[in-house]
Amino acid sequence: MTNPVLARQECAATVLGGPTAIIDLGGLRIVTDPTFDDAGPQGYLTKTAGPAATEDEVGPVDLVLVSHDLHPDNLDVRGRAFALAAPLVLTGPATAKRLGSPAIGLARWASHFLPRPDGEGELTVLAVPAVHGPEDGERDGDGNVNCEVTGFVLAGRGLPTVYVSGDNASIRTVAEISRRVPEIDVAVLNAGAARVPAKFSGRPLSLDSRRAGAAAAILGASVVLAAHYDGWAHFSEGRADLELAFEEAGLSSLLRMTEHRTWVPLKA
């Protein structure tokens, strides 16, 4: 027997495990990087825990944000099916081409506009850059490290501005986003210092805990949700590392480390 559908919130978010979060904003239900498979091996990666809610418990969604599709820790088999059943997926151009309908590819700094069910105009979704590995990592012809990865900034009248990092390991990129979008209220940061020995000499492919704290400080966010730090064997830092890093930086008041499936209000 499954639990009931998670009730829609006015302005809140919850992390379900791995990179997957639900963001309820402006009457819209938004899911990031859906991963709904059970624990087990997935190619060269190993999933160690399933999500805190099933697809049925998440219920109908209005938008899925996919940072990238080439790594199963950000889009696994059931997550892909979930995304393709949604009315709209926003992602990068190359990812959208691989996924097909209903995915729309956004170039960096391009925006998509969704009408808000709350009657307060539109939600703007801005695609922002992400660097999936070290700054000096080899880049492809489009300037990507590892693969195309897209972050997002969500904004609208009367709403907090929400940054969703995707698998970004670059503080330089965070600084660029902060310059272009100077008022970010909420940061959903993929942390966990993901490491794969065969890539970039095992250096982090996503933010480590200290750099997550630095990113929060640069952005000036008043609420920080950490994602992508548990549920997979290649995450090298977890909840305790994040809490310590934010405490040592004097930023503990920003970090919302609740149990998965617990709603966090997005207005400080």
C-alpha atoms as a PDB file:
ATOM      1  CA  MET A   1       0.000   0.000   0.000  1.00  0.00           C
ATOM      2  CA  THR A   2       1.442   3.380  -1.007  1.00  0.00           C
ATOM      3  CA  ASN A   3       1.279   6.563   0.979  1.00  0.00           C
ATOM      4  CA  PRO A   4      -1.055   9.331  -0.213  1.00  0.00           C
ATOM      5  CA  VAL A   5       0.103  11.921  -2.701  1.00  0.00           C
ATOM      6  CA  LEU A   6       2.240  14.608  -1.105  1.00  0.00           C
ATOM      7  CA  ALA A   7      -0.084  17.577  -0.669  1.00  0.00           C
ATOM      8  CA  ARG A   8       0.831  20.654  -2.669  1.00  0.00           C
ATOM      9  CA  GLN A   9       2.415  23.460  -0.695  1.00  0.00           C
ATOM     10  CA  GLU A  10       2.114  27.197  -1.168  1.00  0.00           C
ATOM     11  CA  CYS A  11       5.866  27.871  -1.295  1.00  0.00           C
ATOM     12  CA  ALA A  12       8.062  25.015  -0.093  1.00  0.00           C
ATOM     13  CA  ALA A  13      10.473  22.294  -1.189  1.00  0.00           C
ATOM     14  CA  THR A  14      11.541  18.846  -0.085  1.00  0.00           C
ATOM     15  CA  VAL A  15      14.437  16.584  -1.050  1.00  0.00           C
ATOM     16  CA  LEU A  16      13.593  12.938  -1.794  1.00  0.00           C
ATOM     17  CA  GLY A  17      17.156  11.589  -1.911  1.00  0.00           C
ATOM     18  CA  GLY A  18      19.971  11.817  -4.420  1.00  0.00           C
ATOM     19  CA  PRO A  19      19.443  14.901  -6.603  1.00  0.00           C
ATOM     20  CA  THR A  20      15.659  14.661  -6.606  1.00  0.00           C
ATOM     21  CA  ALA A  21      13.646  17.472  -5.054  1.00  0.00           C
ATOM     22  CA  ILE A  22      10.098  18.764  -5.270  1.00  0.00           C
ATOM     23  CA  ILE A  23       9.638  22.523  -5.436  1.00  0.00           C
ATOM     24  CA  ASP A  24       6.087  23.879  -5.052  1.00  0.00           C
ATOM     25  CA  LEU A  25       6.124  27.462  -6.290  1.00  0.00           C
ATOM     26  CA  GLY A  26       3.439  29.754  -7.679  1.00  0.00           C
ATOM     27  CA  GLY A  27       0.913  26.926  -7.794  1.00  0.00           C
ATOM     28  CA  LEU A  28       3.278  24.763  -9.850  1.00  0.00           C
ATOM     29  CA  ARG A  29       4.786  21.449  -8.788  1.00  0.00           C
ATOM     30  CA  ILE A  30       8.352  21.165 -10.097  1.00  0.00           C
ATOM     31  CA  VAL A  31      10.583  18.091  -9.780  1.00  0.00           C
ATOM     32  CA  THR A  32      14.342  18.221 -10.260  1.00  0.00           C
ATOM     33  CA  ASP A  33      16.471  15.374 -11.666  1.00  0.00           C
ATOM     34  CA  PRO A  34      14.012  12.533 -10.975  1.00  0.00           C
ATOM     35  CA  THR A  35      15.573   9.283  -9.733  1.00  0.00           C
ATOM     36  CA  PHE A  36      13.015   6.685  -8.648  1.00  0.00           C
ATOM     37  CA  ASP A  37      14.798   3.345  -9.161  1.00  0.00           C
ATOM     38  CA  ASP A  38      15.364   0.966  -6.265  1.00  0.00           C
ATOM     39  CA  ALA A  39      18.841   0.506  -4.822  1.00  0.00           C
ATOM     40  CA  GLY A  40      21.279  -1.539  -6.884  1.00  0.00           C
ATOM     41  CA  PRO A  41      24.012  -1.317  -9.526  1.00  0.00           C
ATOM     42  CA  GLN A  42      23.512   1.052 -12.439  1.00  0.00           C
ATOM     43  CA  GLY A  43      26.383   0.593 -14.835  1.00  0.00           C
ATOM     44  CA  TYR A  44      29.603   1.846 -13.232  1.00  0.00           C
ATOM     45  CA  LEU A  45      27.631   3.508 -10.398  1.00  0.00           C
ATOM     46  CA  THR A  46      25.813   1.936  -7.456  1.00  0.00           C
ATOM     47  CA  LYS A  47      22.604   3.250  -5.962  1.00  0.00           C
ATOM     48  CA  THR A  48      22.526   2.587  -2.220  1.00  0.00           C
ATOM     49  CA  ALA A  49      19.010   3.780  -1.336  1.00  0.00           C
ATOM     50  CA  GLY A  50      15.731   4.376  -3.094  1.00  0.00           C
ATOM     51  CA  PRO A  51      13.792   7.645  -2.952  1.00  0.00           C
ATOM     52  CA  ALA A  52      11.715   8.799   0.016  1.00  0.00           C
ATOM     53  CA  ALA A  53       8.619   8.954  -2.207  1.00  0.00           C
ATOM     54  CA  THR A  54       7.465   7.018  -5.247  1.00  0.00           C
ATOM     55  CA  GLU A  55       6.255   8.524  -8.490  1.00  0.00           C
ATOM     56  CA  ASP A  56       2.635   7.947  -7.426  1.00  0.00           C
ATOM     57  CA  GLU A  57       3.255   9.704  -4.117  1.00  0.00           C
ATOM     58  CA  VAL A  58       4.740  12.712  -5.908  1.00  0.00           C
ATOM     59  CA  GLY A  59       1.567  12.923  -7.939  1.00  0.00           C
ATOM     60  CA  PRO A  60       0.898  15.064 -11.008  1.00  0.00           C
ATOM     61  CA  VAL A  61       3.657  17.536 -11.825  1.00  0.00           C
ATOM     62  CA  ASP A  62       3.741  20.628 -13.996  1.00  0.00           C
ATOM     63  CA  LEU A  63       7.438  20.763 -14.811  1.00  0.00           C
ATOM     64  CA  VAL A  64      10.507  18.524 -14.599  1.00  0.00           C
ATOM     65  CA  LEU A  65      13.973  20.076 -14.594  1.00  0.00           C
ATOM     66  CA  VAL A  66      16.695  17.742 -15.884  1.00  0.00           C
ATOM     67  CA  SER A  67      20.243  18.985 -15.402  1.00  0.00           C
ATOM     68  CA  HIS A  68      21.600  16.181 -17.606  1.00  0.00           C
ATOM     69  CA  ASP A  69      20.590  12.747 -18.821  1.00  0.00           C
ATOM     70  CA  LEU A  70      23.858  10.861 -19.338  1.00  0.00           C
ATOM     71  CA  HIS A  71      24.451   9.806 -15.713  1.00  0.00           C
ATOM     72  CA  PRO A  72      21.983   7.536 -13.899  1.00  0.00           C
ATOM     73  CA  ASP A  73      22.464   9.301 -10.562  1.00  0.00           C
ATOM     74  CA  ASN A  74      20.653  12.284 -12.107  1.00  0.00           C
ATOM     75  CA  LEU A  75      18.164  10.484 -14.353  1.00  0.00           C
ATOM     76  CA  ASP A  76      17.652   6.776 -13.816  1.00  0.00           C
ATOM     77  CA  VAL A  77      15.280   4.429 -15.638  1.00  0.00           C
ATOM     78  CA  ARG A  78      12.105   5.193 -13.700  1.00  0.00           C
ATOM     79  CA  GLY A  79      13.109   8.836 -13.436  1.00  0.00           C
ATOM     80  CA  ARG A  80      13.343   9.062 -17.207  1.00  0.00           C
ATOM     81  CA  ALA A  81       9.886   7.528 -17.610  1.00  0.00           C
ATOM     82  CA  PHE A  82       8.531   9.963 -15.021  1.00  0.00           C
ATOM     83  CA  ALA A  83      10.064  12.938 -16.832  1.00  0.00           C
ATOM     84  CA  LEU A  84       8.766  11.888 -20.248  1.00  0.00           C
ATOM     85  CA  ALA A  85       5.244  11.483 -18.822  1.00  0.00           C
ATOM     86  CA  ALA A  86       5.266  15.067 -17.515  1.00  0.00           C
ATOM     87  CA  PRO A  87       3.671  17.896 -19.520  1.00  0.00           C
ATOM     88  CA  LEU A  88       6.998  19.737 -19.801  1.00  0.00           C
ATOM     89  CA  VAL A  89      10.703  19.023 -19.291  1.00  0.00           C
ATOM     90  CA  LEU A  90      13.267  21.844 -19.374  1.00  0.00           C
ATOM     91  CA  THR A  91      16.910  20.945 -19.881  1.00  0.00           C
ATOM     92  CA  GLY A  92      19.913  21.746 -22.058  1.00  0.00           C
ATOM     93  CA  PRO A  93      19.774  21.588 -25.871  1.00  0.00           C
ATOM     94  CA  ALA A  94      21.745  18.352 -26.326  1.00  0.00           C
ATOM     95  CA  THR A  95      19.828  16.627 -23.537  1.00  0.00           C
ATOM     96  CA  ALA A  96      16.487  17.720 -24.992  1.00  0.00           C
ATOM     97  CA  LYS A  97      17.454  16.299 -28.381  1.00  0.00           C
ATOM     98  CA  ARG A  98      18.207  12.920 -26.805  1.00  0.00           C
ATOM     99  CA  LEU A  99      15.078  12.874 -24.629  1.00  0.00           C
ATOM    100  CA  GLY A 100      12.597  14.059 -27.232  1.00  0.00           C
ATOM    101  CA  SER A 101       9.113  15.388 -26.475  1.00  0.00           C
ATOM    102  CA  PRO A 102       8.105  16.949 -24.070  1.00  0.00           C
ATOM    103  CA  ALA A 103      11.663  18.190 -23.449  1.00  0.00           C
ATOM    104  CA  ILE A 104      12.601  21.715 -24.471  1.00  0.00           C
ATOM    105  CA  GLY A 105      16.276  22.629 -24.634  1.00  0.00           C
ATOM    106  CA  LEU A 106      17.380  25.969 -23.240  1.00  0.00           C
ATOM    107  CA  ALA A 107      20.717  27.477 -24.139  1.00  0.00           C
ATOM    108  CA  ARG A 108      22.639  29.107 -21.288  1.00  0.00           C
ATOM    109  CA  TRP A 109      20.981  32.342 -20.172  1.00  0.00           C
ATOM    110  CA  ALA A 110      17.810  31.583 -22.159  1.00  0.00           C
ATOM    111  CA  SER A 111      14.423  31.694 -20.407  1.00  0.00           C
ATOM    112  CA  HIS A 112      11.134  29.830 -20.594  1.00  0.00           C
ATOM    113  CA  PHE A 113       7.876  31.235 -19.183  1.00  0.00           C
ATOM    114  CA  LEU A 114       5.078  29.217 -17.582  1.00  0.00           C
ATOM    115  CA  PRO A 115       1.651  30.574 -16.594  1.00  0.00           C
ATOM    116  CA  ARG A 116       1.122  30.263 -12.846  1.00  0.00           C
ATOM    117  CA  PRO A 117      -1.996  28.513 -11.557  1.00  0.00           C
ATOM    118  CA  ASP A 118      -2.086  30.978  -8.651  1.00  0.00           C
ATOM    119  CA  GLY A 119      -3.083  33.711 -11.105  1.00  0.00           C
ATOM    120  CA  GLU A 120      -0.038  35.888 -10.388  1.00  0.00           C
ATOM    121  CA  GLY A 121       1.421  35.987 -13.873  1.00  0.00           C
ATOM    122  CA  GLU A 122       4.294  33.773 -15.022  1.00  0.00           C
ATOM    123  CA  LEU A 123       7.124  31.744 -13.584  1.00  0.00           C
ATOM    124  CA  THR A 124      10.396  32.462 -15.362  1.00  0.00           C
ATOM    125  CA  VAL A 125      12.828  29.567 -15.695  1.00  0.00           C
ATOM    126  CA  LEU A 126      16.315  30.780 -16.597  1.00  0.00           C
ATOM    127  CA  ALA A 127      18.910  28.238 -17.751  1.00  0.00           C
ATOM    128  CA  VAL A 128      22.318  28.883 -16.179  1.00  0.00           C
ATOM    129  CA  PRO A 129      25.716  27.221 -16.656  1.00  0.00           C
ATOM    130  CA  ALA A 130      27.163  24.356 -14.651  1.00  0.00           C
ATOM    131  CA  VAL A 131      30.616  22.763 -14.724  1.00  0.00           C
ATOM    132  CA  HIS A 132      30.505  19.027 -13.963  1.00  0.00           C
ATOM    133  CA  GLY A 133      34.079  18.681 -12.753  1.00  0.00           C
ATOM    134  CA  PRO A 134      37.263  20.681 -12.133  1.00  0.00           C
ATOM    135  CA  GLU A 135      37.775  24.021 -13.863  1.00  0.00           C
ATOM    136  CA  ASP A 136      40.819  22.679 -15.711  1.00  0.00           C
ATOM    137  CA  GLY A 137      39.027  19.549 -16.923  1.00  0.00           C
ATOM    138  CA  GLU A 138      39.099  18.809 -20.627  1.00  0.00           C
ATOM    139  CA  ARG A 139      36.198  20.507 -22.408  1.00  0.00           C
ATOM    140  CA  ASP A 140      34.231  19.363 -25.431  1.00  0.00           C
ATOM    141  CA  GLY A 141      33.488  21.473 -28.478  1.00  0.00           C
ATOM    142  CA  ASP A 142      30.648  23.224 -26.640  1.00  0.00           C
ATOM    143  CA  GLY A 143      32.829  24.086 -23.637  1.00  0.00           C
ATOM    144  CA  ASN A 144      31.398  21.408 -21.336  1.00  0.00           C
ATOM    145  CA  VAL A 145      33.413  19.548 -18.704  1.00  0.00           C
ATOM    146  CA  ASN A 146      32.321  15.884 -18.541  1.00  0.00           C
ATOM    147  CA  CYS A 147      29.028  16.570 -20.362  1.00  0.00           C
ATOM    148  CA  GLU A 148      26.379  19.217 -20.882  1.00  0.00           C
ATOM    149  CA  VAL A 149      24.850  20.169 -17.520  1.00  0.00           C
ATOM    150  CA  THR A 150      22.272  22.878 -16.940  1.00  0.00           C
ATOM    151  CA  GLY A 151      21.337  24.744 -13.774  1.00  0.00           C
ATOM    152  CA  PHE A 152      18.181  26.804 -13.372  1.00  0.00           C
ATOM    153  CA  VAL A 153      16.915  29.953 -11.690  1.00  0.00           C
ATOM    154  CA  LEU A 154      13.175  30.154 -10.943  1.00  0.00           C
ATOM    155  CA  ALA A 155      11.601  33.571 -10.394  1.00  0.00           C
ATOM    156  CA  GLY A 156       8.259  35.325 -10.449  1.00  0.00           C
ATOM    157  CA  ARG A 157       6.310  38.182  -8.926  1.00  0.00           C
ATOM    158  CA  GLY A 158       5.924  37.746  -5.175  1.00  0.00           C
ATOM    159  CA  LEU A 159       7.994  34.539  -5.155  1.00  0.00           C
ATOM    160  CA  PRO A 160      11.443  33.826  -3.741  1.00  0.00           C
ATOM    161  CA  THR A 161      14.079  33.446  -6.452  1.00  0.00           C
ATOM    162  CA  VAL A 162      15.329  29.857  -6.418  1.00  0.00           C
ATOM    163  CA  TYR A 163      18.651  28.626  -7.836  1.00  0.00           C
ATOM    164  CA  VAL A 164      18.890  24.917  -8.695  1.00  0.00           C
ATOM    165  CA  SER A 165      22.554  24.101  -9.264  1.00  0.00           C
ATOM    166  CA  GLY A 166      22.542  20.773 -11.060  1.00  0.00           C
ATOM    167  CA  ASP A 167      25.904  18.992 -10.899  1.00  0.00           C
ATOM    168  CA  ASN A 168      28.080  22.078 -10.735  1.00  0.00           C
ATOM    169  CA  ALA A 169      31.510  21.962  -9.077  1.00  0.00           C
ATOM    170  CA  SER A 170      32.619  25.470 -10.073  1.00  0.00           C
ATOM    171  CA  ILE A 171      32.687  28.408  -7.680  1.00  0.00           C
ATOM    172  CA  ARG A 172      33.634  30.635 -10.620  1.00  0.00           C
ATOM    173  CA  THR A 173      30.352  29.648 -12.262  1.00  0.00           C
ATOM    174  CA  VAL A 174      28.423  30.405  -9.065  1.00  0.00           C
ATOM    175  CA  ALA A 175      30.037  33.852  -8.990  1.00  0.00           C
ATOM    176  CA  GLU A 176      29.002  34.477 -12.602  1.00  0.00           C
ATOM    177  CA  ILE A 177      25.409  33.487 -11.822  1.00  0.00           C
ATOM    178  CA  SER A 178      25.415  35.794  -8.791  1.00  0.00           C
ATOM    179  CA  ARG A 179      26.601  38.716 -10.918  1.00  0.00           C
ATOM    180  CA  ARG A 180      23.855  38.160 -13.469  1.00  0.00           C
ATOM    181  CA  VAL A 181      21.123  37.327 -10.944  1.00  0.00           C
ATOM    182  CA  PRO A 182      22.048  39.405  -7.890  1.00  0.00           C
ATOM    183  CA  GLU A 183      19.056  38.527  -5.693  1.00  0.00           C
ATOM    184  CA  ILE A 184      18.813  34.773  -5.083  1.00  0.00           C
ATOM    185  CA  ASP A 185      16.775  33.842  -2.018  1.00  0.00           C
ATOM    186  CA  VAL A 186      16.970  30.033  -2.075  1.00  0.00           C
ATOM    187  CA  ALA A 187      19.767  27.757  -3.269  1.00  0.00           C
ATOM    188  CA  VAL A 188      19.203  24.051  -3.960  1.00  0.00           C
ATOM    189  CA  LEU A 189      22.787  22.830  -4.162  1.00  0.00           C
ATOM    190  CA  ASN A 190      23.936  19.453  -5.454  1.00  0.00           C
ATOM    191  CA  ALA A 191      26.764  18.612  -3.090  1.00  0.00           C
ATOM    192  CA  GLY A 192      28.236  15.269  -2.028  1.00  0.00           C
ATOM    193  CA  ALA A 193      31.650  15.749  -3.697  1.00  0.00           C
ATOM    194  CA  ALA A 194      30.832  13.028  -6.227  1.00  0.00           C
ATOM    195  CA  ARG A 195      33.995  11.205  -7.290  1.00  0.00           C
ATOM    196  CA  VAL A 196      34.670   8.584  -9.971  1.00  0.00           C
ATOM    197  CA  PRO A 197      38.311   7.363  -9.977  1.00  0.00           C
ATOM    198  CA  ALA A 198      38.495   7.195 -13.765  1.00  0.00           C
ATOM    199  CA  LYS A 199      37.453  10.829 -14.195  1.00  0.00           C
ATOM    200  CA  PHE A 200      39.746  13.798 -13.514  1.00  0.00           C
ATOM    201  CA  SER A 201      41.988  11.756 -11.185  1.00  0.00           C
ATOM    202  CA  GLY A 202      39.109  11.272  -8.778  1.00  0.00           C
ATOM    203  CA  ARG A 203      38.616  14.988  -8.163  1.00  0.00           C
ATOM    204  CA  PRO A 204      35.068  16.130  -7.252  1.00  0.00           C
ATOM    205  CA  LEU A 205      32.461  16.272  -9.999  1.00  0.00           C
ATOM    206  CA  SER A 206      30.022  18.231  -7.821  1.00  0.00           C
ATOM    207  CA  LEU A 207      30.368  20.681  -4.939  1.00  0.00           C
ATOM    208  CA  ASP A 208      32.161  19.460  -1.851  1.00  0.00           C
ATOM    209  CA  SER A 209      30.792  20.695   1.471  1.00  0.00           C
ATOM    210  CA  ARG A 210      33.122  23.667   1.869  1.00  0.00           C
ATOM    211  CA  ARG A 211      32.450  24.855  -1.647  1.00  0.00           C
ATOM    212  CA  ALA A 212      28.716  24.462  -1.038  1.00  0.00           C
ATOM    213  CA  GLY A 213      29.121  26.853   1.889  1.00  0.00           C
ATOM    214  CA  ALA A 214      31.122  29.231  -0.300  1.00  0.00           C
ATOM    215  CA  ALA A 215      28.442  29.055  -2.989  1.00  0.00           C
ATOM    216  CA  ALA A 216      25.742  29.921  -0.455  1.00  0.00           C
ATOM    217  CA  ALA A 217      27.756  32.913   0.752  1.00  0.00           C
ATOM    218  CA  ILE A 218      28.434  34.177  -2.783  1.00  0.00           C
ATOM    219  CA  LEU A 219      24.779  33.875  -3.761  1.00  0.00           C
ATOM    220  CA  GLY A 220      23.563  35.589  -0.605  1.00  0.00           C
ATOM    221  CA  ALA A 221      20.808  33.003  -0.219  1.00  0.00           C
ATOM    222  CA  SER A 222      18.810  33.006   2.998  1.00  0.00           C
ATOM    223  CA  VAL A 223      17.698  29.362   2.599  1.00  0.00           C
ATOM    224  CA  VAL A 224      19.943  26.513   1.407  1.00  0.00           C
ATOM    225  CA  LEU A 225      18.736  22.987   0.655  1.00  0.00           C
ATOM    226  CA  ALA A 226      21.390  20.371   0.029  1.00  0.00           C
ATOM    227  CA  ALA A 227      20.727  17.551  -2.423  1.00  0.00           C
ATOM    228  CA  HIS A 228      22.833  14.896  -4.152  1.00  0.00           C
ATOM    229  CA  TYR A 229      24.766  13.884  -1.027  1.00  0.00           C
ATOM    230  CA  ASP A 230      23.254  10.470  -0.290  1.00  0.00           C
ATOM    231  CA  GLY A 231      21.786   7.453  -2.020  1.00  0.00           C
ATOM    232  CA  TRP A 232      24.776   6.687  -4.265  1.00  0.00           C
ATOM    233  CA  ALA A 233      28.129   5.080  -3.459  1.00  0.00           C
ATOM    234  CA  HIS A 234      30.230   7.646  -5.357  1.00  0.00           C
ATOM    235  CA  PHE A 235      29.170  10.544  -3.114  1.00  0.00           C
ATOM    236  CA  SER A 236      32.227  11.064  -0.901  1.00  0.00           C
ATOM    237  CA  GLU A 237      30.709  13.553   1.575  1.00  0.00           C
ATOM    238  CA  GLY A 238      27.396  13.384   3.388  1.00  0.00           C
ATOM    239  CA  ARG A 239      25.122  15.201   5.787  1.00  0.00           C
ATOM    240  CA  ALA A 240      27.638  15.463   8.630  1.00  0.00           C
ATOM    241  CA  ASP A 241      30.252  17.001   6.312  1.00  0.00           C
ATOM    242  CA  LEU A 242      27.775  19.600   5.099  1.00  0.00           C
ATOM    243  CA  GLU A 243      26.666  20.517   8.594  1.00  0.00           C
ATOM    244  CA  LEU A 244      30.263  20.883   9.761  1.00  0.00           C
ATOM    245  CA  ALA A 245      31.294  22.991   6.767  1.00  0.00           C
ATOM    246  CA  PHE A 246      28.382  25.390   7.215  1.00  0.00           C
ATOM    247  CA  GLU A 247      28.994  25.564  10.975  1.00  0.00           C
ATOM    248  CA  GLU A 248      32.684  26.389  10.501  1.00  0.00           C
ATOM    249  CA  ALA A 249      31.766  29.073   7.950  1.00  0.00           C
ATOM    250  CA  GLY A 250      29.205  30.613  10.315  1.00  0.00           C
ATOM    251  CA  LEU A 251      26.384  29.768   7.914  1.00  0.00           C
ATOM    252  CA  SER A 252      24.468  27.114   9.861  1.00  0.00           C
ATOM    253  CA  SER A 253      21.376  29.327  10.029  1.00  0.00           C
ATOM    254  CA  LEU A 254      21.026  29.055   6.233  1.00  0.00           C
ATOM    255  CA  LEU A 255      21.223  25.272   5.899  1.00  0.00           C
ATOM    256  CA  ARG A 256      18.000  23.270   6.096  1.00  0.00           C
ATOM    257  CA  MET A 257      19.059  19.664   6.668  1.00  0.00           C
ATOM    258  CA  THR A 258      15.718  18.004   7.338  1.00  0.00           C
ATOM    259  CA  GLU A 259      14.752  14.390   6.837  1.00  0.00           C
ATOM    260  CA  HIS A 260      13.841  13.536   3.263  1.00  0.00           C
ATOM    261  CA  ARG A 261      10.199  14.115   2.394  1.00  0.00           C
ATOM    262  CA  THR A 262       9.977  16.933   4.957  1.00  0.00           C
ATOM    263  CA  TRP A 263       8.800  20.261   3.567  1.00  0.00           C
ATOM    264  CA  VAL A 264      11.015  23.313   3.961  1.00  0.00           C
ATOM    265  CA  PRO A 265       9.370  26.761   3.605  1.00  0.00           C
ATOM    266  CA  LEU A 266      11.183  28.800   0.958  1.00  0.00           C
ATOM    267  CA  LYS A 267      10.595  32.151   2.585  1.00  0.00           C
ATOM    268  CA  ALA A 268      13.076  32.803   5.411  1.00  0.00           C
END
